Amino acid sequence: MVKHYVNEVGTDLVLDTGYVIATATEQYIKYKDPAGNTGSWSADLFSSYSQLAGATGTYLLKHTLESTDLTIPGEWRFHAYVGAVDGTWLGEMVKHEIFDTFE
């Protein structure tokens, strides 16, 4: 697994929902940082192969990290959030360890 670090810039955070989300009217990535703070980042629909669905299509959300996104080291938690005319959904929660510089 690749390590990711505090204040990393330009890396694409991609979350697989396992559902076709091409008709989404709103989408973002919700997060909970190691200090317990919660929030969300804007996300774009992303078409590629979905391991959860076992197919290629619009199943994924992508957010490109900015220097102000991952601000503290520790375990971060992420959820894909998708809203459409017929409902709203959360993807599976993903946990990822973010390391301090030089770790």
C-alpha atoms as a PDB file:
ATOM      1  CA  MET A   1       0.000   0.000   0.000  1.00  0.00           C
ATOM      2  CA  VAL A   2       1.246   3.486  -0.846  1.00  0.00           C
ATOM      3  CA  LYS A   3       1.830   5.886   2.059  1.00  0.00           C
ATOM      4  CA  HIS A   4       0.167   9.299   2.017  1.00  0.00           C
ATOM      5  CA  TYR A   5       1.310  12.305   4.002  1.00  0.00           C
ATOM      6  CA  VAL A   6       0.010  15.438   5.737  1.00  0.00           C
ATOM      7  CA  ASN A   7      -0.532  18.370   3.336  1.00  0.00           C
ATOM      8  CA  GLU A   8      -0.142  16.146   0.261  1.00  0.00           C
ATOM      9  CA  VAL A   9      -1.160  17.971  -2.925  1.00  0.00           C
ATOM     10  CA  GLY A  10      -2.401  16.687  -6.278  1.00  0.00           C
ATOM     11  CA  THR A  11      -3.187  13.093  -5.339  1.00  0.00           C
ATOM     12  CA  ASP A  12      -6.591  11.871  -6.485  1.00  0.00           C
ATOM     13  CA  LEU A  13      -8.705  10.378  -3.717  1.00  0.00           C
ATOM     14  CA  VAL A  14     -11.017   7.952  -5.533  1.00  0.00           C
ATOM     15  CA  LEU A  15     -13.876   6.162  -3.777  1.00  0.00           C
ATOM     16  CA  ASP A  16     -15.772   3.260  -5.362  1.00  0.00           C
ATOM     17  CA  THR A  17     -19.508   3.312  -4.594  1.00  0.00           C
ATOM     18  CA  GLY A  18     -20.353   0.020  -6.314  1.00  0.00           C
ATOM     19  CA  TYR A  19     -23.465   1.653  -7.825  1.00  0.00           C
ATOM     20  CA  VAL A  20     -24.015   3.462 -11.103  1.00  0.00           C
ATOM     21  CA  ILE A  21     -24.025   7.148 -10.115  1.00  0.00           C
ATOM     22  CA  ALA A  22     -24.114   8.784 -13.546  1.00  0.00           C
ATOM     23  CA  THR A  23     -27.397  10.570 -12.687  1.00  0.00           C
ATOM     24  CA  ALA A  24     -26.091  12.106  -9.441  1.00  0.00           C
ATOM     25  CA  THR A  25     -27.135  15.710  -8.874  1.00  0.00           C
ATOM     26  CA  GLU A  26     -24.743  16.230  -5.958  1.00  0.00           C
ATOM     27  CA  GLN A  27     -21.680  14.328  -4.850  1.00  0.00           C
ATOM     28  CA  TYR A  28     -18.935  14.826  -2.346  1.00  0.00           C
ATOM     29  CA  ILE A  29     -16.576  12.934  -0.069  1.00  0.00           C
ATOM     30  CA  LYS A  30     -17.352  13.102   3.632  1.00  0.00           C
ATOM     31  CA  TYR A  31     -14.454  12.730   6.056  1.00  0.00           C
ATOM     32  CA  LYS A  32     -13.657  12.339   9.737  1.00  0.00           C
ATOM     33  CA  ASP A  33     -10.116  13.262  10.745  1.00  0.00           C
ATOM     34  CA  PRO A  34      -8.149  11.692  13.627  1.00  0.00           C
ATOM     35  CA  ALA A  35      -9.221  14.524  15.978  1.00  0.00           C
ATOM     36  CA  GLY A  36     -12.903  13.722  15.345  1.00  0.00           C
ATOM     37  CA  ASN A  37     -13.595  16.740  13.109  1.00  0.00           C
ATOM     38  CA  THR A  38     -15.972  16.067  10.228  1.00  0.00           C
ATOM     39  CA  GLY A  39     -16.547  17.788   6.918  1.00  0.00           C
ATOM     40  CA  SER A  40     -16.739  17.201   3.200  1.00  0.00           C
ATOM     41  CA  TRP A  41     -14.855  17.902  -0.008  1.00  0.00           C
ATOM     42  CA  SER A  42     -16.291  18.429  -3.469  1.00  0.00           C
ATOM     43  CA  ALA A  43     -15.986  15.425  -5.752  1.00  0.00           C
ATOM     44  CA  ASP A  44     -16.375  14.690  -9.432  1.00  0.00           C
ATOM     45  CA  LEU A  45     -18.031  11.677 -11.015  1.00  0.00           C
ATOM     46  CA  PHE A  46     -15.363   9.324 -12.323  1.00  0.00           C
ATOM     47  CA  SER A  47     -15.863   6.511 -14.838  1.00  0.00           C
ATOM     48  CA  SER A  48     -13.563   3.526 -14.521  1.00  0.00           C
ATOM     49  CA  TYR A  49     -13.562  -0.116 -13.462  1.00  0.00           C
ATOM     50  CA  SER A  50     -15.415  -0.690 -10.176  1.00  0.00           C
ATOM     51  CA  GLN A  51     -14.061  -3.540  -8.062  1.00  0.00           C
ATOM     52  CA  LEU A  52     -17.266  -3.500  -6.006  1.00  0.00           C
ATOM     53  CA  ALA A  53     -19.557  -3.754  -9.047  1.00  0.00           C
ATOM     54  CA  GLY A  54     -17.179  -5.824 -11.182  1.00  0.00           C
ATOM     55  CA  ALA A  55     -17.864  -3.573 -14.170  1.00  0.00           C
ATOM     56  CA  THR A  56     -16.720  -0.422 -15.928  1.00  0.00           C
ATOM     57  CA  GLY A  57     -18.875   2.696 -15.711  1.00  0.00           C
ATOM     58  CA  THR A  58     -19.641   5.722 -13.557  1.00  0.00           C
ATOM     59  CA  TYR A  59     -19.252   4.113 -10.139  1.00  0.00           C
ATOM     60  CA  LEU A  60     -16.579   6.300  -8.580  1.00  0.00           C
ATOM     61  CA  LEU A  61     -16.088   9.723  -6.985  1.00  0.00           C
ATOM     62  CA  LYS A  62     -12.792  11.611  -7.245  1.00  0.00           C
ATOM     63  CA  HIS A  63     -11.372  14.514  -5.244  1.00  0.00           C
ATOM     64  CA  THR A  64      -7.911  15.950  -5.973  1.00  0.00           C
ATOM     65  CA  LEU A  65      -6.165  16.713  -2.677  1.00  0.00           C
ATOM     66  CA  GLU A  66      -5.218  20.299  -1.809  1.00  0.00           C
ATOM     67  CA  SER A  67      -2.637  21.364   0.797  1.00  0.00           C
ATOM     68  CA  THR A  68      -5.411  22.206   3.292  1.00  0.00           C
ATOM     69  CA  ASP A  69      -7.202  18.825   3.094  1.00  0.00           C
ATOM     70  CA  LEU A  70      -5.102  16.317   5.058  1.00  0.00           C
ATOM     71  CA  THR A  71      -3.822  18.529   7.860  1.00  0.00           C
ATOM     72  CA  ILE A  72      -3.076  16.073  10.683  1.00  0.00           C
ATOM     73  CA  PRO A  73      -1.499  12.615  10.819  1.00  0.00           C
ATOM     74  CA  GLY A  74      -3.457   9.559  11.929  1.00  0.00           C
ATOM     75  CA  GLU A  75      -6.394   7.453  10.788  1.00  0.00           C
ATOM     76  CA  TRP A  76      -8.813   9.285   8.499  1.00  0.00           C
ATOM     77  CA  ARG A  77     -12.236   7.923   7.518  1.00  0.00           C
ATOM     78  CA  PHE A  78     -13.967   8.624   4.217  1.00  0.00           C
ATOM     79  CA  HIS A  79     -17.476   8.102   2.793  1.00  0.00           C
ATOM     80  CA  ALA A  80     -18.679   8.741  -0.741  1.00  0.00           C
ATOM     81  CA  TYR A  81     -21.942  10.728  -0.645  1.00  0.00           C
ATOM     82  CA  VAL A  82     -24.225  10.758  -3.683  1.00  0.00           C
ATOM     83  CA  GLY A  83     -27.523  12.573  -4.079  1.00  0.00           C
ATOM     84  CA  ALA A  84     -29.935  12.045  -6.967  1.00  0.00           C
ATOM     85  CA  VAL A  85     -33.587  12.758  -7.715  1.00  0.00           C
ATOM     86  CA  ASP A  86     -34.646   9.406  -6.246  1.00  0.00           C
ATOM     87  CA  GLY A  87     -32.539   9.403  -3.042  1.00  0.00           C
ATOM     88  CA  THR A  88     -29.192   9.782  -1.325  1.00  0.00           C
ATOM     89  CA  TRP A  89     -26.517   7.161  -0.620  1.00  0.00           C
ATOM     90  CA  LEU A  90     -23.258   6.670   1.251  1.00  0.00           C
ATOM     91  CA  GLY A  91     -20.529   4.380  -0.015  1.00  0.00           C
ATOM     92  CA  GLU A  92     -18.652   1.999   2.285  1.00  0.00           C
ATOM     93  CA  MET A  93     -16.521   3.725   4.897  1.00  0.00           C
ATOM     94  CA  VAL A  94     -12.823   3.683   4.018  1.00  0.00           C
ATOM     95  CA  LYS A  95     -10.073   4.053   6.626  1.00  0.00           C
ATOM     96  CA  HIS A  96      -6.643   5.324   5.610  1.00  0.00           C
ATOM     97  CA  GLU A  97      -3.578   6.168   7.679  1.00  0.00           C
ATOM     98  CA  ILE A  98      -2.063   9.583   6.896  1.00  0.00           C
ATOM     99  CA  PHE A  99       1.565   9.947   7.963  1.00  0.00           C
ATOM    100  CA  ASP A 100       3.507  12.933   9.247  1.00  0.00           C
ATOM    101  CA  THR A 101       6.427  14.185   7.163  1.00  0.00           C
ATOM    102  CA  PHE A 102       9.512  11.936   7.337  1.00  0.00           C
ATOM    103  CA  GLU A 103       7.604   8.900   8.693  1.00  0.00           C
END
